PDB file of N, CA and C in Angstrom:
ATOM      1  N   MET A   1       3.990-136.945 105.273  1.00  0.00           N
ATOM      2  CA  MET A   1       4.147-137.066 103.836  1.00  0.00           C
ATOM      3  C   MET A   1       2.802-136.943 103.125  1.00  0.00           C
ATOM      4  N   LEU A   2       1.733-137.445 103.755  1.00  0.00           N
ATOM      5  CA  LEU A   2       0.413-137.359 103.131  1.00  0.00           C
ATOM      6  C   LEU A   2      -0.016-135.900 102.984  1.00  0.00           C
ATOM      7  N   GLY A   3       0.192-135.104 104.031  1.00  0.00           N
ATOM      8  CA  GLY A   3      -0.175-133.689 103.960  1.00  0.00           C
ATOM      9  C   GLY A   3       0.551-132.965 102.848  1.00  0.00           C
ATOM     10  N   GLU A   4       1.835-133.249 102.693  1.00  0.00           N
ATOM     11  CA  GLU A   4       2.603-132.624 101.620  1.00  0.00           C
ATOM     12  C   GLU A   4       2.062-133.026 100.249  1.00  0.00           C
ATOM     13  N   ALA A   5       1.704-134.296 100.103  1.00  0.00           N
ATOM     14  CA  ALA A   5       1.154-134.770  98.823  1.00  0.00           C
ATOM     15  C   ALA A   5      -0.180-134.113  98.532  1.00  0.00           C
ATOM     16  N   ILE A   6      -1.017-133.959  99.553  1.00  0.00           N
ATOM     17  CA  ILE A   6      -2.330-133.323  99.390  1.00  0.00           C
ATOM     18  C   ILE A   6      -2.157-131.878  98.928  1.00  0.00           C
ATOM     19  N   GLU A   7      -1.258-131.151  99.585  1.00  0.00           N
ATOM     20  CA  GLU A   7      -1.052-129.755  99.209  1.00  0.00           C
ATOM     21  C   GLU A   7      -0.441-129.638  97.819  1.00  0.00           C
ATOM     22  N   HIS A   8       0.479-130.507  97.487  1.00  0.00           N
ATOM     23  CA  HIS A   8       1.075-130.476  96.150  1.00  0.00           C
ATOM     24  C   HIS A   8      -0.009-130.654  95.085  1.00  0.00           C
ATOM     25  N   GLU A   9      -0.950-131.549  95.359  1.00  0.00           N
ATOM     26  CA  GLU A   9      -2.027-131.820  94.404  1.00  0.00           C
ATOM     27  C   GLU A   9      -2.906-130.590  94.177  1.00  0.00           C
ATOM     28  N   ILE A  10      -3.206-129.821  95.238  1.00  0.00           N
ATOM     29  CA  ILE A  10      -4.070-128.649  95.020  1.00  0.00           C
ATOM     30  C   ILE A  10      -3.388-127.608  94.160  1.00  0.00           C
ATOM     31  N   PHE A  11      -2.084-127.433  94.362  1.00  0.00           N
ATOM     32  CA  PHE A  11      -1.379-126.447  93.542  1.00  0.00           C
ATOM     33  C   PHE A  11      -1.272-126.920  92.099  1.00  0.00           C
ATOM     34  N   SER A  12      -1.085-128.222  91.905  1.00  0.00           N
ATOM     35  CA  SER A  12      -1.029-128.766  90.539  1.00  0.00           C
ATOM     36  C   SER A  12      -2.377-128.621  89.841  1.00  0.00           C
ATOM     37  N   LEU A  13      -3.448-129.056  90.505  1.00  0.00           N
ATOM     38  CA  LEU A  13      -4.789-128.998  89.923  1.00  0.00           C
ATOM     39  C   LEU A  13      -5.197-127.566  89.593  1.00  0.00           C
ATOM     40  N   HIS A  14      -5.064-126.676  90.559  1.00  0.00           N
ATOM     41  CA  HIS A  14      -5.487-125.301  90.327  1.00  0.00           C
ATOM     42  C   HIS A  14      -4.529-124.568  89.398  1.00  0.00           C
ATOM     43  N   GLY A  15      -3.254-124.993  89.365  1.00  0.00           N
ATOM     44  CA  GLY A  15      -2.304-124.413  88.409  1.00  0.00           C
ATOM     45  C   GLY A  15      -2.713-124.694  86.976  1.00  0.00           C
ATOM     46  N   VAL A  16      -3.173-125.913  86.723  1.00  0.00           N
ATOM     47  CA  VAL A  16      -3.645-126.265  85.382  1.00  0.00           C
ATOM     48  C   VAL A  16      -4.873-125.416  85.033  1.00  0.00           C
ATOM     49  N   ALA A  17      -5.790-125.285  85.985  1.00  0.00           N
ATOM     50  CA  ALA A  17      -6.999-124.486  85.724  1.00  0.00           C
ATOM     51  C   ALA A  17      -6.648-123.027  85.434  1.00  0.00           C
ATOM     52  N   MET A  18      -5.699-122.483  86.182  1.00  0.00           N
ATOM     53  CA  MET A  18      -5.333-121.079  86.014  1.00  0.00           C
ATOM     54  C   MET A  18      -4.593-120.822  84.707  1.00  0.00           C
ATOM     55  N   THR A  19      -3.898-121.844  84.193  1.00  0.00           N
ATOM     56  CA  THR A  19      -3.099-121.639  82.984  1.00  0.00           C
ATOM     57  C   THR A  19      -3.793-122.164  81.723  1.00  0.00           C
ATOM     58  N   SER A  20      -5.036-122.591  81.866  1.00  0.00           N
ATOM     59  CA  SER A  20      -5.791-123.009  80.688  1.00  0.00           C
ATOM     60  C   SER A  20      -6.328-121.761  79.980  1.00  0.00           C
ATOM     61  N   PHE A  21      -6.904-121.946  78.806  1.00  0.00           N
ATOM     62  CA  PHE A  21      -7.468-120.793  78.105  1.00  0.00           C
ATOM     63  C   PHE A  21      -8.903-121.095  77.711  1.00  0.00           C
ATOM     64  N   PRO A  22      -9.848-120.342  78.175  1.00  0.00           N
ATOM     65  CA  PRO A  22      -9.658-119.215  79.098  1.00  0.00           C
ATOM     66  C   PRO A  22      -9.335-119.725  80.500  1.00  0.00           C
ATOM     67  N   PRO A  23      -8.607-118.942  81.266  1.00  0.00           N
ATOM     68  CA  PRO A  23      -8.226-119.395  82.601  1.00  0.00           C
ATOM     69  C   PRO A  23      -9.426-119.520  83.533  1.00  0.00           C
ATOM     70  N   VAL A  24      -9.333-120.469  84.434  1.00  0.00           N
ATOM     71  CA  VAL A  24     -10.362-120.669  85.457  1.00  0.00           C
ATOM     72  C   VAL A  24      -9.705-120.346  86.788  1.00  0.00           C
ATOM     73  N   LEU A  25     -10.175-119.327  87.446  1.00  0.00           N
ATOM     74  CA  LEU A  25      -9.584-118.901  88.711  1.00  0.00           C
ATOM     75  C   LEU A  25     -10.651-118.925  89.786  1.00  0.00           C
ATOM     76  N   HIS A  26     -10.597-119.948  90.626  1.00  0.00           N
ATOM     77  CA  HIS A  26     -11.549-120.059  91.726  1.00  0.00           C
ATOM     78  C   HIS A  26     -11.039-119.373  92.994  1.00  0.00           C
ATOM     79  N   TRP A  27      -9.753-119.138  93.066  1.00  0.00           N
ATOM     80  CA  TRP A  27      -9.177-118.538  94.263  1.00  0.00           C
ATOM     81  C   TRP A  27      -9.419-117.040  94.274  1.00  0.00           C
ATOM     82  N   ASP A  28      -9.415-116.504  95.479  1.00  0.00           N
ATOM     83  CA  ASP A  28      -9.412-115.055  95.640  1.00  0.00           C
ATOM     84  C   ASP A  28      -8.351-114.719  96.678  1.00  0.00           C
ATOM     85  N   LYS A  29      -8.232-113.475  97.046  1.00  0.00           N
ATOM     86  CA  LYS A  29      -7.182-113.084  97.994  1.00  0.00           C
ATOM     87  C   LYS A  29      -7.357-113.770  99.347  1.00  0.00           C
ATOM     88  N   ASP A  30      -8.588-114.052  99.722  1.00  0.00           N
ATOM     89  CA  ASP A  30      -8.838-114.725 100.998  1.00  0.00           C
ATOM     90  C   ASP A  30      -8.350-116.171 100.968  1.00  0.00           C
ATOM     91  N   THR A  31      -8.520-116.842  99.835  1.00  0.00           N
ATOM     92  CA  THR A  31      -8.015-118.201  99.682  1.00  0.00           C
ATOM     93  C   THR A  31      -6.500-118.205  99.863  1.00  0.00           C
ATOM     94  N   ALA A  32      -5.836-117.284  99.198  1.00  0.00           N
ATOM     95  CA  ALA A  32      -4.381-117.182  99.298  1.00  0.00           C
ATOM     96  C   ALA A  32      -3.957-116.862 100.731  1.00  0.00           C
ATOM     97  N   GLU A  33      -4.707-116.030 101.417  1.00  0.00           N
ATOM     98  CA  GLU A  33      -4.368-115.675 102.798  1.00  0.00           C
ATOM     99  C   GLU A  33      -4.429-116.900 103.707  1.00  0.00           C
ATOM    100  N   ILE A  34      -5.421-117.743 103.515  1.00  0.00           N
ATOM    101  CA  ILE A  34      -5.526-118.965 104.320  1.00  0.00           C
ATOM    102  C   ILE A  34      -4.345-119.894 104.021  1.00  0.00           C
ATOM    103  N   LEU A  35      -3.964-120.008 102.748  1.00  0.00           N
ATOM    104  CA  LEU A  35      -2.829-120.856 102.398  1.00  0.00           C
ATOM    105  C   LEU A  35      -1.535-120.337 103.010  1.00  0.00           C
ATOM    106  N   HIS A  36      -1.344-119.027 103.004  1.00  0.00           N
ATOM    107  CA  HIS A  36      -0.155-118.447 103.637  1.00  0.00           C
ATOM    108  C   HIS A  36      -0.169-118.686 105.147  1.00  0.00           C
ATOM    109  N   ALA A  37      -1.323-118.517 105.779  1.00  0.00           N
ATOM    110  CA  ALA A  37      -1.427-118.742 107.221  1.00  0.00           C
ATOM    111  C   ALA A  37      -1.149-120.202 107.574  1.00  0.00           C
ATOM    112  N   THR A  38      -1.589-121.113 106.716  1.00  0.00           N
ATOM    113  CA  THR A  38      -1.336-122.536 106.941  1.00  0.00           C
ATOM    114  C   THR A  38       0.165-122.819 106.903  1.00  0.00           C
ATOM    115  N   ALA A  39       0.856-122.246 105.937  1.00  0.00           N
ATOM    116  CA  ALA A  39       2.309-122.423 105.843  1.00  0.00           C
ATOM    117  C   ALA A  39       3.012-121.822 107.057  1.00  0.00           C
ATOM    118  N   GLU A  40       2.533-120.680 107.532  1.00  0.00           N
ATOM    119  CA  GLU A  40       3.120-120.052 108.722  1.00  0.00           C
ATOM    120  C   GLU A  40       2.928-120.923 109.960  1.00  0.00           C
ATOM    121  N   LEU A  41       1.764-121.554 110.088  1.00  0.00           N
ATOM    122  CA  LEU A  41       1.525-122.456 111.218  1.00  0.00           C
ATOM    123  C   LEU A  41       2.509-123.629 111.179  1.00  0.00           C
ATOM    124  N   ARG A  42       2.758-124.169 109.991  1.00  0.00           N
ATOM    125  CA  ARG A  42       3.734-125.264 109.877  1.00  0.00           C
ATOM    126  C   ARG A  42       5.125-124.806 110.278  1.00  0.00           C
ATOM    127  N   GLU A  43       5.487-123.580 109.913  1.00  0.00           N
ATOM    128  CA  GLU A  43       6.791-123.043 110.304  1.00  0.00           C
ATOM    129  C   GLU A  43       6.918-122.944 111.814  1.00  0.00           C
ATOM    130  N   ARG A  44       5.787-122.802 112.504  1.00  0.00           N
ATOM    131  CA  ARG A  44       5.775-122.737 113.976  1.00  0.00           C
ATOM    132  C   ARG A  44       5.649-124.126 114.607  1.00  0.00           C
ATOM    133  N   GLY A  45       5.693-125.172 113.763  1.00  0.00           N
ATOM    134  CA  GLY A  45       5.681-126.537 114.296  1.00  0.00           C
ATOM    135  C   GLY A  45       4.316-127.181 114.400  1.00  0.00           C
ATOM    136  N   ILE A  46       3.291-126.537 113.870  1.00  0.00           N
ATOM    137  CA  ILE A  46       1.940-127.103 113.908  1.00  0.00           C
ATOM    138  C   ILE A  46       1.694-127.837 112.592  1.00  0.00           C
ATOM    139  N   SER A  47       1.491-129.120 112.672  1.00  0.00           N
ATOM    140  CA  SER A  47       1.307-129.947 111.480  1.00  0.00           C
ATOM    141  C   SER A  47      -0.097-129.740 110.924  1.00  0.00           C
ATOM    142  N   VAL A  48      -0.199-128.913 109.879  1.00  0.00           N
ATOM    143  CA  VAL A  48      -1.483-128.629 109.240  1.00  0.00           C
ATOM    144  C   VAL A  48      -1.243-128.448 107.744  1.00  0.00           C
ATOM    145  N   TYR A  49      -2.158-129.011 106.962  1.00  0.00           N
ATOM    146  CA  TYR A  49      -2.049-128.930 105.511  1.00  0.00           C
ATOM    147  C   TYR A  49      -3.399-128.549 104.933  1.00  0.00           C
ATOM    148  N   ALA A  50      -3.374-127.925 103.773  1.00  0.00           N
ATOM    149  CA  ALA A  50      -4.599-127.447 103.144  1.00  0.00           C
ATOM    150  C   ALA A  50      -4.930-128.263 101.913  1.00  0.00           C
ATOM    151  N   THR A  51      -6.204-128.361 101.647  1.00  0.00           N
ATOM    152  CA  THR A  51      -6.694-128.854 100.374  1.00  0.00           C
ATOM    153  C   THR A  51      -7.838-127.929  99.979  1.00  0.00           C
ATOM    154  N   ILE A  52      -8.143-127.895  98.709  1.00  0.00           N
ATOM    155  CA  ILE A  52      -9.179-126.996  98.212  1.00  0.00           C
ATOM    156  C   ILE A  52     -10.067-127.788  97.267  1.00  0.00           C
ATOM    157  N   ASP A  53     -11.358-127.595  97.383  1.00  0.00           N
ATOM    158  CA  ASP A  53     -12.262-128.281  96.455  1.00  0.00           C
ATOM    159  C   ASP A  53     -12.197-127.573  95.099  1.00  0.00           C
ATOM    160  N   ALA A  54     -13.107-127.870  94.219  1.00  0.00           N
ATOM    161  CA  ALA A  54     -13.079-127.277  92.880  1.00  0.00           C
ATOM    162  C   ALA A  54     -13.471-125.805  92.885  1.00  0.00           C
ATOM    163  N   GLY A  55     -13.741-125.254  94.029  1.00  0.00           N
ATOM    164  CA  GLY A  55     -14.056-123.840  94.165  1.00  0.00           C
ATOM    165  C   GLY A  55     -13.063-123.183  95.100  1.00  0.00           C
ATOM    166  N   PRO A  56     -13.475-122.162  95.827  1.00  0.00           N
ATOM    167  CA  PRO A  56     -12.557-121.443  96.706  1.00  0.00           C
ATOM    168  C   PRO A  56     -12.525-121.967  98.143  1.00  0.00           C
ATOM    169  N   ASN A  57     -13.169-123.097  98.410  1.00  0.00           N
ATOM    170  CA  ASN A  57     -13.301-123.581  99.784  1.00  0.00           C
ATOM    171  C   ASN A  57     -12.059-124.337 100.239  1.00  0.00           C
ATOM    172  N   VAL A  58     -11.434-123.828 101.298  1.00  0.00           N
ATOM    173  CA  VAL A  58     -10.215-124.420 101.828  1.00  0.00           C
ATOM    174  C   VAL A  58     -10.588-125.366 102.966  1.00  0.00           C
ATOM    175  N   HIS A  59      -9.960-126.534 102.960  1.00  0.00           N
ATOM    176  CA  HIS A  59     -10.150-127.523 104.018  1.00  0.00           C
ATOM    177  C   HIS A  59      -8.783-127.770 104.638  1.00  0.00           C
ATOM    178  N   LEU A  60      -8.704-127.669 105.965  1.00  0.00           N
ATOM    179  CA  LEU A  60      -7.430-127.879 106.645  1.00  0.00           C
ATOM    180  C   LEU A  60      -7.412-129.259 107.280  1.00  0.00           C
ATOM    181  N   ILE A  61      -6.289-129.925 107.149  1.00  0.00           N
ATOM    182  CA  ILE A  61      -6.120-131.267 107.692  1.00  0.00           C
ATOM    183  C   ILE A  61      -5.025-131.211 108.745  1.00  0.00           C
ATOM    184  N   THR A  62      -5.370-131.678 109.943  1.00  0.00           N
ATOM    185  CA  THR A  62      -4.416-131.669 111.043  1.00  0.00           C
ATOM    186  C   THR A  62      -4.781-132.766 112.029  1.00  0.00           C
ATOM    187  N   GLU A  63      -3.965-132.929 113.024  1.00  0.00           N
ATOM    188  CA  GLU A  63      -4.272-133.862 114.105  1.00  0.00           C
ATOM    189  C   GLU A  63      -5.190-133.171 115.103  1.00  0.00           C
ATOM    190  N   SER A  64      -5.992-133.955 115.820  1.00  0.00           N
ATOM    191  CA  SER A  64      -6.956-133.367 116.754  1.00  0.00           C
ATOM    192  C   SER A  64      -6.274-132.532 117.835  1.00  0.00           C
ATOM    193  N   LYS A  65      -5.048-132.846 118.177  1.00  0.00           N
ATOM    194  CA  LYS A  65      -4.343-132.076 119.209  1.00  0.00           C
ATOM    195  C   LYS A  65      -4.088-130.629 118.780  1.00  0.00           C
ATOM    196  N   ASN A  66      -4.150-130.349 117.477  1.00  0.00           N
ATOM    197  CA  ASN A  66      -3.906-128.993 116.961  1.00  0.00           C
ATOM    198  C   ASN A  66      -5.185-128.208 116.713  1.00  0.00           C
ATOM    199  N   LEU A  67      -6.328-128.825 116.911  1.00  0.00           N
ATOM    200  CA  LEU A  67      -7.600-128.207 116.541  1.00  0.00           C
ATOM    201  C   LEU A  67      -7.809-126.847 117.203  1.00  0.00           C
ATOM    202  N   ASN A  68      -7.595-126.749 118.497  1.00  0.00           N
ATOM    203  CA  ASN A  68      -7.822-125.474 119.196  1.00  0.00           C
ATOM    204  C   ASN A  68      -6.905-124.368 118.676  1.00  0.00           C
ATOM    205  N   LYS A  69      -5.677-124.713 118.311  1.00  0.00           N
ATOM    206  CA  LYS A  69      -4.751-123.718 117.760  1.00  0.00           C
ATOM    207  C   LYS A  69      -5.257-123.200 116.420  1.00  0.00           C
ATOM    208  N   LEU A  70      -5.804-124.093 115.604  1.00  0.00           N
ATOM    209  CA  LEU A  70      -6.329-123.680 114.306  1.00  0.00           C
ATOM    210  C   LEU A  70      -7.565-122.804 114.460  1.00  0.00           C
ATOM    211  N   VAL A  71      -8.461-123.208 115.336  1.00  0.00           N
ATOM    212  CA  VAL A  71      -9.674-122.411 115.571  1.00  0.00           C
ATOM    213  C   VAL A  71      -9.282-121.027 116.062  1.00  0.00           C
ATOM    214  N   LYS A  72      -8.357-120.958 116.990  1.00  0.00           N
ATOM    215  CA  LYS A  72      -7.904-119.664 117.522  1.00  0.00           C
ATOM    216  C   LYS A  72      -7.300-118.797 116.416  1.00  0.00           C
ATOM    217  N   ARG A  73      -6.500-119.412 115.546  1.00  0.00           N
ATOM    218  CA  ARG A  73      -5.831-118.653 114.476  1.00  0.00           C
ATOM    219  C   ARG A  73      -6.821-118.150 113.427  1.00  0.00           C
ATOM    220  N   PHE A  74      -7.809-118.973 113.088  1.00  0.00           N
ATOM    221  CA  PHE A  74      -8.665-118.621 111.961  1.00  0.00           C
ATOM    222  C   PHE A  74     -10.003-118.005 112.339  1.00  0.00           C
ATOM    223  N   LYS A  75     -10.422-118.073 113.590  1.00  0.00           N
ATOM    224  CA  LYS A  75     -11.738-117.529 113.944  1.00  0.00           C
ATOM    225  C   LYS A  75     -11.801-116.013 113.824  1.00  0.00           C
ATOM    226  N   LYS A  76     -10.661-115.353 113.838  1.00  0.00           N
ATOM    227  CA  LYS A  76     -10.648-113.889 113.738  1.00  0.00           C
ATOM    228  C   LYS A  76     -10.639-113.382 112.301  1.00  0.00           C
ATOM    229  N   ASN A  77     -10.554-114.283 111.325  1.00  0.00           N
ATOM    230  CA  ASN A  77     -10.564-113.855 109.929  1.00  0.00           C
ATOM    231  C   ASN A  77     -11.965-113.472 109.485  1.00  0.00           C
ATOM    232  N   ARG A  78     -12.105-112.338 108.903  1.00  0.00           N
ATOM    233  CA  ARG A  78     -13.404-111.795 108.512  1.00  0.00           C
ATOM    234  C   ARG A  78     -14.084-112.589 107.403  1.00  0.00           C
ATOM    235  N   PHE A  79     -13.322-113.285 106.599  1.00  0.00           N
ATOM    236  CA  PHE A  79     -13.880-113.959 105.441  1.00  0.00           C
ATOM    237  C   PHE A  79     -14.231-115.420 105.689  1.00  0.00           C
ATOM    238  N   ILE A  80     -13.907-115.950 106.850  1.00  0.00           N
ATOM    239  CA  ILE A  80     -14.271-117.340 107.157  1.00  0.00           C
ATOM    240  C   ILE A  80     -15.674-117.338 107.735  1.00  0.00           C
ATOM    241  N   LYS A  81     -16.582-117.967 107.018  1.00  0.00           N
ATOM    242  CA  LYS A  81     -17.986-117.963 107.434  1.00  0.00           C
ATOM    243  C   LYS A  81     -18.316-119.118 108.368  1.00  0.00           C
ATOM    244  N   ASN A  82     -17.722-120.286 108.126  1.00  0.00           N
ATOM    245  CA  ASN A  82     -18.016-121.469 108.932  1.00  0.00           C
ATOM    246  C   ASN A  82     -16.770-122.308 109.107  1.00  0.00           C
ATOM    247  N   MET A  83     -16.676-122.962 110.246  1.00  0.00           N
ATOM    248  CA  MET A  83     -15.625-123.940 110.493  1.00  0.00           C
ATOM    249  C   MET A  83     -16.306-125.210 110.992  1.00  0.00           C
ATOM    250  N   TYR A  84     -15.904-126.327 110.433  1.00  0.00           N
ATOM    251  CA  TYR A  84     -16.473-127.615 110.818  1.00  0.00           C
ATOM    252  C   TYR A  84     -15.348-128.570 111.189  1.00  0.00           C
ATOM    253  N   LYS A  85     -15.574-129.364 112.202  1.00  0.00           N
ATOM    254  CA  LYS A  85     -14.627-130.396 112.591  1.00  0.00           C
ATOM    255  C   LYS A  85     -15.140-131.720 112.041  1.00  0.00           C
ATOM    256  N   SER A  86     -14.306-132.400 111.282  1.00  0.00           N
ATOM    257  CA  SER A  86     -14.663-133.706 110.734  1.00  0.00           C
ATOM    258  C   SER A  86     -13.652-134.729 111.230  1.00  0.00           C
ATOM    259  N   PRO A  87     -14.091-135.708 111.989  1.00  0.00           N
ATOM    260  CA  PRO A  87     -13.147-136.720 112.479  1.00  0.00           C
ATOM    261  C   PRO A  87     -12.758-137.690 111.369  1.00  0.00           C
ATOM    262  N   VAL A  88     -11.749-138.464 111.629  1.00  0.00           N
ATOM    263  CA  VAL A  88     -11.319-139.489 110.680  1.00  0.00           C
ATOM    264  C   VAL A  88     -12.413-140.537 110.584  1.00  0.00           C
ATOM    265  N   GLY A  89     -12.691-140.999 109.390  1.00  0.00           N
ATOM    266  CA  GLY A  89     -13.722-142.016 109.176  1.00  0.00           C
ATOM    267  C   GLY A  89     -13.259-143.388 109.619  1.00  0.00           C
ATOM    268  N   GLN A  90     -14.135-144.344 109.477  1.00  0.00           N
ATOM    269  CA  GLN A  90     -13.839-145.699 109.934  1.00  0.00           C
ATOM    270  C   GLN A  90     -12.944-146.462 108.964  1.00  0.00           C
ATOM    271  N   GLY A  91     -12.713-145.955 107.804  1.00  0.00           N
ATOM    272  CA  GLY A  91     -11.849-146.632 106.849  1.00  0.00           C
ATOM    273  C   GLY A  91     -12.644-147.408 105.818  1.00  0.00           C
ATOM    274  N   ALA A  92     -11.921-147.963 104.865  1.00  0.00           N
ATOM    275  CA  ALA A  92     -12.557-148.704 103.780  1.00  0.00           C
ATOM    276  C   ALA A  92     -13.043-150.067 104.277  1.00  0.00           C
ATOM    277  N   LYS A  93     -14.107-150.533 103.650  1.00  0.00           N
ATOM    278  CA  LYS A  93     -14.614-151.869 103.975  1.00  0.00           C
ATOM    279  C   LYS A  93     -15.352-152.418 102.760  1.00  0.00           C
ATOM    280  N   ILE A  94     -15.410-153.712 102.663  1.00  0.00           N
ATOM    281  CA  ILE A  94     -16.127-154.375 101.583  1.00  0.00           C
ATOM    282  C   ILE A  94     -17.578-154.540 102.004  1.00  0.00           C
ATOM    283  N   THR A  95     -18.470-154.243 101.078  1.00  0.00           N
ATOM    284  CA  THR A  95     -19.897-154.352 101.367  1.00  0.00           C
ATOM    285  C   THR A  95     -20.610-154.925 100.142  1.00  0.00           C
ATOM    286  N   LYS A  96     -21.702-155.543 100.370  1.00  0.00           N
ATOM    287  CA  LYS A  96     -22.519-156.053  99.261  1.00  0.00           C
ATOM    288  C   LYS A  96     -23.627-155.050  98.905  1.00  0.00           C
ATOM    289  N   LYS A  97     -23.752-153.986  99.686  1.00  0.00           N
ATOM    290  CA  LYS A  97     -24.755-152.958  99.450  1.00  0.00           C
ATOM    291  C   LYS A  97     -24.309-152.087  98.271  1.00  0.00           C
ATOM    292  N   HIS A  98     -25.207-151.921  97.313  1.00  0.00           N
ATOM    293  CA  HIS A  98     -24.892-151.108  96.136  1.00  0.00           C
ATOM    294  C   HIS A  98     -25.417-149.690  96.328  1.00  0.00           C
ATOM    295  N   LEU A  99     -24.727-148.739  95.730  1.00  0.00           N
ATOM    296  CA  LEU A  99     -25.155-147.336  95.799  1.00  0.00           C
ATOM    297  C   LEU A  99     -26.294-147.037  94.834  1.00  0.00           C
ATOM    298  N   PHE A 100     -26.448-147.829  93.807  1.00  0.00           N
ATOM    299  CA  PHE A 100     -27.444-147.539  92.768  1.00  0.00           C
ATOM    300  C   PHE A 100     -28.476-148.632  92.700  1.00  0.00           C
TER     301      PHE A 100
END
């Protein structure tokens, strides 16, 4: 359910940007291709969801057991410059340390 919510949010956020005036379009055909490939992987039973930052950078979220399948699927794409693996963080915690 979290993956579905994350993906819904990217389409909502970028939909607003695209339909504003003047429109803001950060996506390109390569961004759309990654989103289509992500949906195809889910159709094949691989639990993977996409999110996009405020630019064209796509981030895929999946379980570690699917990592090799994703690397295999996306390493052959000409427009992907880098792939990084980020593990799940330690979670929220209360601290007395201030950021400022």
